Structures are given as C-alpha cells and as structure tokens.
C-alpha cells in the first residue's frame, strides 16, 4: 500500500496541498517566476538589503578570503572571527551583554527552550506563537500552557496558579507573523516582575523594522534590560540567513555549552555571516530606511482599505487581508499572480479555520509606481471575484 500517496490525496481533498513557486531572480520588488515578471509582495526582505551593492561586495571579499563552507561546528573547527564579531555587534544592537548565532531562527528557539527549562518548569505561551516556539516548548519537556492571543487576564490567571514550578517562562512573538500585530510587552513584563517569571521574546519580524534604530519590538516599547531572552533572525530585514539569541553573558555561555541545535550543527558559512554583518552595519548607518519603509506600508494599507478590503490591525510591515474562506483565499492569490502580483494565501493549518487571509509584506525598495500598480490589480481582481464593490 502506498501510504505517502494516501497522505497526499488527503491533503489535496482537504485543500491543504501546497506547491513550490520557482523564483528566477533576486528578492527584488519585481521578480521573475516562470519567465514572467511579477511584483513581489511575499518577501521578508523588508529593507531591500539582499540586493544592496555595498553588502554584496562585502560578501564577495569574504568569499575570496575565507572560501565557501565553514568546515565544522563552532565548537570544533567552524568558529571564525567573523562569527564572534557579528555576535558582539548584535549584542550592542540589542543592548544586551552577549549574543549567540544559530543556523536558523527555528533552531535558536528549539535550542534555547530545550536548554533553559525542563520537566520541573512551566512555559506559558501565546496561542499564536510561531511553530518553532511551539516545537521548542514540546522538546523542552516543561509543562506547556497556552493563553488566548494577547489575553493578559488569562496570562495572569496562569501565573497565579503556577507557583509550584521551579521556573516560569513567558514566551511570545514580538510581531506575530500571520497577524502583523505586536505583543503587549509592557504589560507582559509587568506581570513577569509581579510573579517572578522570565520573559522570552522572538522578534524575528520586529528586528530591523521597529524602534528608532531598528532594534525591534523591545526598543519600540522602551524595554531594554527588561527582557531575559531575545530571539532574532538574520534572514528577514538583515537579508542573510540564520538566527540569534541575545541576553546575559551567563545565558549565552550556557547555550554554547548545552544547546544541542548549536553544538551539533555545522557553523554558518563565512559569506553568510559577512552578509549579516554588512546588513547590520548598513541599516544602522541609513536611518532613512525606516522612514521610507513605513511610507510604503502606510500607502499600501490606506489604498487597500479604501478599496474595501478588511485588514487586520497590523502594526508592522505585514499586512493581512482577511478573506475567511480558504477556497476564496487561494482563488484570490492565484488570480493576483495571473495579473502580476505574487502574494501568498494563508490557510489552515497555518491559521485557524475561518480566518484564511492574504498575507502582504512590503519592502522599502518598492516604488510608489509599484504600489499604485498593485492597488489597481487588487481593485480589478477583487471586483471580478466579488470580494469588494
């Protein structure tokens, strides 16, 4: 019996089967898919740095000096001076004592959660946290409790009832990747201090986007020094690959010695680290990037709302358009691609049943002309599908 075919048939019958789209160009405002140019509204390359010439030249220089692969894990032969320099600058950027780079943000969450808590502890997690957080919670063997998204009353109720555990860790996204809204971090920190709990924030979609210098959600709320564990990514606004943890020296030293996803992984290649380092330096020396990004975000949000689309109340560069019905969502996504806009339809199990949506992401490198063309296409396709008037 072909078990794999049965599983695939079930996915297709439930409307959950996915297919890869092949890109034939860089992560630019306009990309080539199947020999056709379309406007990209699906990239997390928020600051457009993956194509910045200054950054590409820095990577080329590093390849010429160090070659390609790293050759081993960080604790054997793969620890380069570049890794240590990036970690120092990430810690300064995040206003923490130290930082540690992982191969992905997913691996950072798994490594941290499986290291800092165990069977005597409890993790208290927002319901809409990223899948990597959920998997890390399961891997940790700690008691895993969930509060309804952003529900502070429920969070406090759990804290009140969990005093028997050795450690209590509140974990939340900073920016929620499918809704685009922000965690109520000031109130979470206040509750954590009241009940002597630790706080961990995954700021993958806030880093490089929020705060006066782009340091993320924690800077945005003025909570520097109040968050025990900060998770970030190098693969979105920083336009490279990998994840990182920022925190106290003791936390980072513990992770170097106990985090299995760090210890048993070949180190990121020098060129990848060079891209992250160059991007980090570039965004800090070009504060106009943030102003221009938010100009684009607001221009597109206002235009979509004027057309009659229902937007979730996002506070980031993620703009979710609520459709509800999964079939209509996929139909809209496909129709937009035919007309020249690449934007994903998000459906269960990524989001709850009845909350399927189009997930739009904006880049600083989109021109006003790009956005105007996008709005024209959304207007035409939305009316054809009777989603707007």
Protein backbone atom coordinates (compact mmCIF):
# COMPACT_ATOMS: atom_id res chain seq x y z
CA UNK A 1 0.00 0.00 0.00
CA UNK A 2 1.31 3.48 -0.91
CA UNK A 3 0.99 5.34 2.38
CA UNK A 4 2.60 8.51 1.02
CA UNK A 5 0.09 8.74 -1.82
CA UNK A 6 -2.79 8.30 0.63
CA UNK A 7 -1.47 11.16 2.76
CA UNK A 8 -1.04 13.38 -0.29
CA UNK A 9 -4.55 12.57 -1.52
CA UNK A 10 -5.95 13.51 1.87
CA UNK A 11 -4.12 16.85 1.81
CA UNK A 12 -5.48 17.59 -1.66
CA UNK A 13 -9.02 16.61 -0.69
CA UNK A 14 -8.87 18.98 2.31
CA UNK A 15 -7.45 21.83 0.21
CA UNK A 16 -4.18 21.79 2.15
CA UNK A 17 -1.78 20.68 -0.57
CA UNK A 18 0.96 23.20 -1.34
CA UNK A 19 3.31 23.62 -4.28
CA UNK A 20 6.62 25.45 -4.57
CA UNK A 21 6.96 28.51 -6.80
CA UNK A 22 10.26 28.81 -8.62
CA UNK A 23 11.95 32.22 -8.47
CA UNK A 24 14.49 33.03 -11.16
CA UNK A 25 15.75 36.36 -9.83
CA UNK A 26 16.75 38.18 -6.65
CA UNK A 27 14.36 39.17 -3.84
CA UNK A 28 13.58 42.48 -5.53
CA UNK A 29 10.33 44.49 -5.82
CA UNK A 30 9.81 42.77 -9.18
CA UNK A 31 10.85 39.14 -9.63
CA UNK A 32 10.85 36.55 -12.40
CA UNK A 33 8.63 33.47 -11.97
CA UNK A 34 8.27 31.06 -14.87
CA UNK A 35 9.88 33.54 -17.25
CA UNK A 36 7.39 36.27 -16.28
CA UNK A 37 7.91 39.44 -14.25
CA UNK A 38 5.60 39.95 -11.27
CA UNK A 39 5.54 42.35 -8.33
CA UNK A 40 6.81 40.68 -5.15
CA UNK A 41 4.59 41.16 -2.10
CA UNK A 42 5.65 37.99 -0.29
CA UNK A 43 9.22 38.66 0.80
CA UNK A 44 10.55 39.31 4.31
CA UNK A 45 13.43 41.28 2.76
CA UNK A 46 11.87 44.34 4.39
CA UNK A 47 14.78 46.75 3.96
CA UNK A 48 15.74 45.54 0.48
CA UNK A 49 19.26 44.74 1.67
CA UNK A 50 19.65 41.38 -0.09
CA UNK A 51 20.37 43.27 -3.33
CA UNK A 52 22.28 46.22 -1.88
CA UNK A 53 25.54 46.54 -3.84
CA UNK A 54 27.66 47.52 -0.82
CA UNK A 55 26.56 44.36 1.00
CA UNK A 56 27.12 42.08 -1.99
CA UNK A 57 30.65 43.44 -2.39
CA UNK A 58 31.39 42.77 1.28
CA UNK A 59 30.29 39.15 0.83
CA UNK A 60 32.44 38.72 -2.28
CA UNK A 61 35.51 39.96 -0.38
CA UNK A 62 34.88 37.47 2.41
CA UNK A 63 34.49 34.57 -0.03
CA UNK A 64 37.81 35.49 -1.59
CA UNK A 65 39.49 35.42 1.84
CA UNK A 66 37.69 32.55 3.61
CA UNK A 67 36.27 30.39 0.82
CA UNK A 68 32.77 28.93 0.96
CA UNK A 69 31.88 26.41 3.70
CA UNK A 70 32.77 26.76 7.39
CA UNK A 71 34.15 23.22 7.66
CA UNK A 72 32.73 22.25 11.04
CA UNK A 73 30.65 23.12 14.06
CA UNK A 74 31.52 26.21 16.09
CA UNK A 75 32.96 24.10 18.94
CA UNK A 76 35.30 22.14 16.66
CA UNK A 77 36.72 23.92 13.62
CA UNK A 78 34.00 26.26 12.39
CA UNK A 79 34.34 29.23 14.75
CA UNK A 80 35.57 32.19 12.73
CA UNK A 81 36.49 35.66 13.86
CA UNK A 82 33.53 36.84 11.76
CA UNK A 83 31.09 34.86 13.93
CA UNK A 84 32.43 36.49 17.06
CA UNK A 85 32.38 39.97 15.51
CA UNK A 86 28.76 39.55 14.42
CA UNK A 87 27.75 38.36 17.89
CA UNK A 88 29.43 41.35 19.52
CA UNK A 89 27.67 43.79 17.21
CA UNK A 90 24.30 42.02 17.60
CA UNK A 91 24.61 42.30 21.38
CA UNK A 92 25.39 46.02 21.07
CA UNK A 93 22.47 46.45 18.64
CA UNK A 94 20.08 44.67 21.01
CA UNK A 95 21.56 46.38 24.09
CA UNK A 96 22.47 43.09 25.80
CA UNK A 97 25.68 41.68 27.26
CA UNK A 98 26.22 38.97 24.65
CA UNK A 99 24.69 37.10 21.71
CA UNK A 100 24.95 33.71 20.00
CA UNK A 101 24.25 32.90 16.34
CA UNK A 102 22.31 29.78 15.33
CA UNK A 103 21.83 28.38 11.83
CA UNK A 104 18.15 29.39 11.74
CA UNK A 105 15.66 31.17 13.95
CA UNK A 106 13.86 27.84 14.22
CA UNK A 107 16.98 26.21 15.63
CA UNK A 108 17.50 29.13 18.00
CA UNK A 109 14.05 28.65 19.52
CA UNK A 110 14.49 24.88 19.80
CA UNK A 111 17.95 25.21 21.31
CA UNK A 112 17.01 27.87 23.85
CA UNK A 113 13.76 26.31 25.07
CA UNK A 114 15.27 22.84 25.42
CA UNK A 115 18.16 24.33 27.42
CA UNK A 116 16.68 26.89 29.81
CA UNK A 117 13.65 24.92 31.06
CA UNK A 118 12.90 21.28 31.81
CA UNK A 119 10.47 18.91 33.49
CA UNK A 120 10.33 20.96 36.72
CA UNK A 121 9.34 24.14 34.89
CA UNK A 122 6.41 25.67 33.02
CA UNK A 123 6.29 27.58 29.74
CA UNK A 124 3.40 30.00 29.24
CA UNK A 125 2.91 30.71 25.55
CA UNK A 126 0.71 32.99 23.44
CA UNK A 127 -1.67 30.90 21.30
CA UNK A 128 -0.43 32.47 18.06
CA UNK A 129 3.29 31.99 18.65
CA UNK A 130 5.39 30.73 15.75
CA UNK A 131 5.60 26.98 15.09
CA UNK A 132 9.27 26.94 16.11
CA UNK A 133 8.31 28.16 19.58
CA UNK A 134 5.62 25.51 19.88
CA UNK A 135 8.04 22.78 18.81
CA UNK A 136 10.67 24.09 21.23
CA UNK A 137 8.15 24.01 24.07
CA UNK A 138 7.32 20.38 23.29
CA UNK A 139 11.01 19.45 23.07
CA UNK A 140 11.82 21.09 26.42
CA UNK A 141 9.76 18.58 28.48
CA UNK A 142 8.45 21.50 30.55
CA UNK A 143 4.75 21.86 31.31
CA UNK A 144 3.29 23.76 28.34
CA UNK A 145 0.37 26.14 28.98
CA UNK A 146 -1.23 28.43 26.39
CA UNK A 147 -3.11 31.71 26.82
CA UNK A 148 -5.50 33.17 24.26
CA UNK A 149 -3.74 35.60 21.93
CA UNK A 150 -2.86 38.80 23.82
CA UNK A 151 -5.18 37.92 26.72
CA UNK A 152 -3.41 39.39 29.75
CA UNK A 153 -6.12 38.34 32.19
CA UNK A 154 -5.68 34.72 31.14
CA UNK A 155 -1.89 35.07 31.36
CA UNK A 156 -2.12 36.42 34.91
CA UNK A 157 -4.51 33.66 35.89
CA UNK A 158 -1.99 31.04 34.73
CA UNK A 159 0.83 32.82 36.58
CA UNK A 160 -1.21 32.82 39.79
CA UNK A 161 -1.78 29.06 39.52
CA UNK A 162 1.75 28.06 38.58
CA UNK A 163 3.81 28.98 41.63
CA UNK A 164 4.70 25.32 42.27
CA UNK A 165 7.07 25.21 39.30
CA UNK A 166 10.81 25.83 39.63
CA UNK A 167 10.85 28.34 36.76
CA UNK A 168 8.08 30.09 34.89
CA UNK A 169 8.90 31.28 31.37
CA UNK A 170 6.54 33.53 29.40
CA UNK A 171 7.31 33.24 25.70
CA UNK A 172 5.82 35.38 22.94
CA UNK A 173 6.46 36.63 19.44
CA UNK A 174 7.26 40.33 19.32
CA UNK A 175 5.48 40.73 15.98
CA UNK A 176 3.04 37.94 15.14
CA UNK A 177 3.93 36.67 11.70
CA UNK A 178 0.43 35.99 10.35
CA UNK A 179 -1.44 38.90 12.02
CA UNK A 180 1.26 41.58 11.98
CA UNK A 181 0.26 42.88 15.42
CA UNK A 182 2.57 43.40 18.40
CA UNK A 183 2.65 41.55 21.69
CA UNK A 184 1.60 43.74 24.68
CA UNK A 185 5.14 43.59 26.01
CA UNK A 186 4.95 46.35 28.67
CA UNK A 187 2.06 44.56 30.38
CA UNK A 188 3.72 41.16 29.99
CA UNK A 189 6.90 42.48 31.62
CA UNK A 190 4.85 43.98 34.46
CA UNK A 191 3.18 40.62 35.11
CA UNK A 192 6.51 38.79 34.89
CA UNK A 193 8.01 41.09 37.53
CA UNK A 194 4.96 40.68 39.76
CA UNK A 195 5.09 36.87 39.62
CA UNK A 196 8.87 36.44 39.27
CA UNK A 197 8.70 34.89 35.81
CA UNK A 198 11.21 35.01 32.95
CA UNK A 199 10.32 36.55 29.57
CA UNK A 200 11.45 35.36 26.16
CA UNK A 201 10.59 37.35 23.00
CA UNK A 202 11.02 36.10 19.43
CA UNK A 203 11.46 39.32 17.49
CA UNK A 204 12.04 37.86 14.03
CA UNK A 205 9.69 40.32 12.29
CA UNK A 206 10.50 43.29 14.53
CA UNK A 207 14.28 43.32 14.15
CA UNK A 208 15.27 45.86 11.52
CA UNK A 209 11.73 47.22 11.28
CA UNK A 210 10.59 48.63 14.66
CA UNK A 211 12.27 51.07 17.03
CA UNK A 212 14.12 54.30 16.29
CA UNK A 213 17.28 52.41 15.28
CA UNK A 214 15.52 49.27 14.07
CA UNK A 215 16.45 47.17 17.09
CA UNK A 216 12.93 45.77 17.24
CA UNK A 217 9.86 45.46 19.44
CA UNK A 218 11.76 45.77 22.71
CA UNK A 219 13.30 49.08 21.64
CA UNK A 220 9.91 50.19 20.28
CA UNK A 221 8.39 49.79 23.76
CA UNK A 222 11.47 51.10 25.63
CA UNK A 223 12.00 47.81 27.45
CA UNK A 224 15.77 47.44 27.06
CA UNK A 225 17.16 45.47 30.01
CA UNK A 226 13.70 44.08 30.90
CA UNK A 227 13.63 41.00 28.62
CA UNK A 228 15.58 37.93 29.73
CA UNK A 229 15.90 36.23 26.33
CA UNK A 230 15.70 37.87 22.91
CA UNK A 231 15.48 35.78 19.75
CA UNK A 232 16.16 37.36 16.39
CA UNK A 233 16.68 36.37 12.79
CA UNK A 234 19.31 37.22 10.20
CA UNK A 235 17.12 36.08 7.31
CA UNK A 236 14.48 38.81 7.12
CA UNK A 237 15.38 42.50 7.45
CA UNK A 238 19.07 41.55 7.75
CA UNK A 239 18.81 39.81 4.38
CA UNK A 240 21.05 36.83 5.07
CA UNK A 241 20.45 33.51 6.85
CA UNK A 242 20.39 32.33 10.46
CA UNK A 243 19.03 33.24 13.85
CA UNK A 244 20.46 34.53 17.09
CA UNK A 245 19.88 34.83 20.82
CA UNK A 246 20.74 37.97 22.77
CA UNK A 247 20.89 38.16 26.56
CA UNK A 248 23.19 37.99 29.57
CA UNK A 249 26.72 36.58 29.37
CA UNK A 250 25.71 33.68 31.59
CA UNK A 251 22.76 32.78 29.36
CA UNK A 252 24.92 32.80 26.23
CA UNK A 253 27.68 30.77 27.88
CA UNK A 254 25.10 28.19 28.98
CA UNK A 255 23.73 27.94 25.44
CA UNK A 256 27.20 27.49 23.96
CA UNK A 257 27.66 24.51 26.22
CA UNK A 258 24.20 22.92 26.26
CA UNK A 259 22.08 23.97 23.26
CA UNK A 260 22.08 20.87 21.04
CA UNK A 261 20.94 22.70 17.89
CA UNK A 262 24.05 24.91 18.27
CA UNK A 263 26.56 22.26 19.35
CA UNK A 264 25.72 19.67 16.70
CA UNK A 265 25.32 21.92 13.65
CA UNK A 266 27.97 22.92 11.13
CA UNK A 267 28.56 26.64 11.50
CA UNK A 268 27.06 29.10 9.05
CA UNK A 269 29.45 29.85 6.20
CA UNK A 270 31.68 32.94 6.46
CA UNK A 271 29.92 34.53 3.48
CA UNK A 272 26.54 34.22 5.21
CA UNK A 273 27.93 35.80 8.38
CA UNK A 274 29.50 38.55 6.28
CA UNK A 275 26.12 39.35 4.71
CA UNK A 276 24.53 39.64 8.16
CA UNK A 277 27.34 41.80 9.47
CA UNK A 278 27.28 44.12 6.47
CA UNK A 279 23.49 44.40 6.61
CA UNK A 280 23.53 45.18 10.33
CA UNK A 281 26.06 47.95 9.81
CA UNK A 282 24.22 49.29 6.76
CA UNK A 283 20.84 49.64 8.44
CA UNK A 284 22.40 51.43 11.40
CA UNK A 285 24.09 53.97 9.12
CA UNK A 286 20.97 54.55 6.97
CA UNK A 287 18.12 55.58 9.30
CA UNK A 288 16.13 56.83 6.32
CA UNK A 289 15.36 53.18 5.51
CA UNK A 290 12.80 53.01 8.33
CA UNK A 291 11.04 56.21 7.26
CA UNK A 292 10.79 55.00 3.66
CA UNK A 293 9.58 51.53 4.69
CA UNK A 294 6.73 52.98 6.74
CA UNK A 295 5.82 55.33 3.88
CA UNK A 296 5.31 52.27 1.69
CA UNK A 297 3.45 50.31 4.38
CA UNK A 298 1.01 53.14 5.04
CA UNK A 299 0.50 53.89 1.34
CA UNK A 300 -0.46 50.29 0.61
CA UNK A 301 -2.59 49.84 3.75
CA UNK A 302 -4.54 53.02 3.08
CA UNK A 303 -5.10 52.05 -0.53
CA UNK A 304 -6.35 48.55 0.31
CA UNK A 305 -8.72 49.89 2.95
CA UNK A 306 -10.04 52.49 0.51
CA UNK A 307 -10.81 49.66 -1.92
CA UNK A 308 -12.92 47.96 0.74
CA UNK A 309 -10.66 45.12 1.85
CA UNK A 310 -10.81 44.08 5.50
CA UNK A 311 -7.34 44.43 7.07
CA UNK A 312 -6.31 43.05 10.42
CA UNK A 313 -4.97 45.79 12.77
CA UNK A 314 -1.29 45.30 11.95
CA UNK A 315 1.50 47.45 13.42
CA UNK A 316 4.30 46.14 11.23
CA UNK A 317 5.34 45.63 7.61
CA UNK A 318 2.97 42.64 7.48
CA UNK A 319 -0.48 43.50 6.10
CA UNK A 320 -3.01 40.65 6.47
CA UNK A 321 -6.14 40.91 4.29
CA UNK A 322 -8.90 38.86 5.92
CA UNK A 323 -10.89 36.68 3.49
CA UNK A 324 -12.12 33.91 5.81
CA UNK A 325 -12.98 31.18 3.33
CA UNK A 326 -9.94 29.07 2.37
CA UNK A 327 -11.07 28.41 -1.21
CA UNK A 328 -11.74 32.11 -1.88
CA UNK A 329 -8.34 32.96 -0.38
CA UNK A 330 -6.47 30.62 -2.70
CA UNK A 331 -8.59 31.75 -5.66
CA UNK A 332 -7.64 35.37 -4.95
CA UNK A 333 -3.95 34.53 -4.56
CA UNK A 334 -3.90 32.66 -7.88
CA UNK A 335 -5.82 35.40 -9.69
CA UNK A 336 -3.43 38.07 -8.40
CA UNK A 337 -0.46 36.04 -9.66
CA UNK A 338 -2.04 35.77 -13.11
CA UNK A 339 -2.38 39.57 -13.13
CA UNK A 340 1.22 40.09 -11.98
CA UNK A 341 1.32 40.17 -8.15
CA UNK A 342 2.93 37.43 -6.06
CA UNK A 343 1.28 37.28 -2.65
CA UNK A 344 0.51 34.14 -0.60
CA UNK A 345 -2.84 32.87 0.53
CA UNK A 346 -2.57 31.68 4.14
CA UNK A 347 -4.98 28.94 5.24
CA UNK A 348 -5.29 26.21 7.88
CA UNK A 349 -3.30 24.72 9.48
CA UNK A 350 -1.11 27.83 9.48
CA UNK A 351 -4.10 29.86 10.72
CA UNK A 352 -7.36 28.85 12.37
CA UNK A 353 -10.31 27.60 10.32
CA UNK A 354 -12.38 30.52 9.02
CA UNK A 355 -9.50 33.01 9.23
CA UNK A 356 -7.74 32.42 5.90
CA UNK A 357 -6.11 35.56 4.63
CA UNK A 358 -3.84 37.11 2.02
CA UNK A 359 -0.53 37.99 3.71
CA UNK A 360 1.07 41.05 2.13
CA UNK A 361 4.60 42.13 3.03
CA UNK A 362 6.13 45.41 1.94
CA UNK A 363 9.75 46.30 1.16
CA UNK A 364 11.44 49.68 1.34
CA UNK A 365 12.57 49.14 -2.26
CA UNK A 366 9.02 49.13 -3.63
CA UNK A 367 8.42 52.32 -5.59
CA UNK A 368 5.25 54.39 -5.44
CA UNK A 369 4.61 53.18 -9.01
CA UNK A 370 4.85 49.56 -7.82
CA UNK A 371 2.30 50.20 -5.09
CA UNK A 372 -0.08 52.05 -7.39
CA UNK A 373 0.05 49.16 -9.87
CA UNK A 374 -0.59 46.68 -7.06
CA UNK A 375 -3.66 48.63 -5.94
CA UNK A 376 -5.01 48.72 -9.49
CA UNK A 377 -4.65 44.92 -9.74
CA UNK A 378 -6.22 44.33 -6.30
CA UNK A 379 -9.15 46.54 -7.35
CA UNK A 380 -9.73 44.73 -10.64
CA UNK A 381 -9.31 41.18 -9.29
CA UNK A 382 -11.28 41.86 -6.11
CA UNK A 383 -14.27 43.12 -8.09
CA UNK A 384 -14.12 40.20 -10.52
CA UNK A 385 -14.22 37.76 -7.58
CA UNK A 386 -16.93 39.85 -5.84
CA UNK A 387 -14.77 40.38 -2.75
CA UNK A 388 -15.12 44.16 -2.98
CA UNK A 389 -17.55 46.52 -4.72
